[in-house]
Amino acid sequence: MIPRASSTIKIFPFYYKNTPLLIQDDIYCPIMAGNVFVNNKNKIQGDDTDDNISVKNRNYSELTGLYWVWKNTHEDIVGSCHYRRYFSSKPEPFLYKLKRLLYLPIGLYKKRYGLIYTNNISCFLPRIIKKEEIEILMSEHDAVLPKARKLKYTVEEHYRRYHNREDLRLLASILSQKHPDYVASFQTLLKSKRLYSNNMFILHNNHFQEFMEWLFDLLFEFERQINIEQYSGYQERILGFIAERLLNVWFIKKELDIIELPVIYFKSQKTL
């Protein structure tokens, strides 16, 4: 659990369009997910070199970038985040805590639990987690995850309301065939009202390798068994949605020592 003094750390923010790079820090390595489809490519690393699945981006979202990281990099500590969403280990400013109280009467408290929505880059950019903070946290814990969302419904009912309910049945079938020891954890997740979202995490490399092997084995099998053409618009990102649920299943099963952190969500970013 305790990283060596010479441990290498990389956090990968995944982009899908050309926007200004928000953070300039050596541990942050931006990746253009779905780079094979991006016109006017900028200078950040694309996910379409070497071993990659960039052409699957419309269905896999940031996971094509994550696959590239898995297959083409090797760091002691690996993190996944988004070009607008970043972990923070610093206390939320007092005025923003007061603002959060306003979420209660308008019904947004649960929906935005653990998320700091802001356009105030100057205030919150310095609060994005840094190398020294990660080193301390990862010397004490196995993983960093975003604060779990508080859902109005169970995870199962939430998915059925916003996606195709048959997806969950198929996923249960695939788990029972390929990884039957995870079925109980899947059922536990479905009955829960908490969900780690956005496929965000920070992991030691040994756990990262194990998780990626397990995750993509299931995702590729799920993709093989569905008619991908039936998903369109928002639902086209089906494999990204499935991965979010599988991440939760994996962590339930593994029972790792986890610390949950709030996520800073910068609401708007200009396109270049």
Foldseek 3Di string as FASTA:
>chain_A
DADDPPFQAAEEAEAQAAFDQLDDDPRYAYEDQLVVPYPPDDDGHYLPDDDFDSVLCLQAPCVRVVVSCLVPHDGQKYWYHHSFKAFFPDDDDPVQVVVLVVCVVVVCNLVQPLEREDQPSVVCVVRGDDDVNVNVVVNPWFKEFAFWGQAPAQPLVVCVVPHPNVLLVVLLVLCCVPPVLLNVLLVVRRRHRTFGDDPTMMGGRVVSNVLVVVLVVSLVVSVVPDDLVVADDPRNNVSRVVSRSVVSSVCSSVVTGYDHTGMYGNPDTDGD
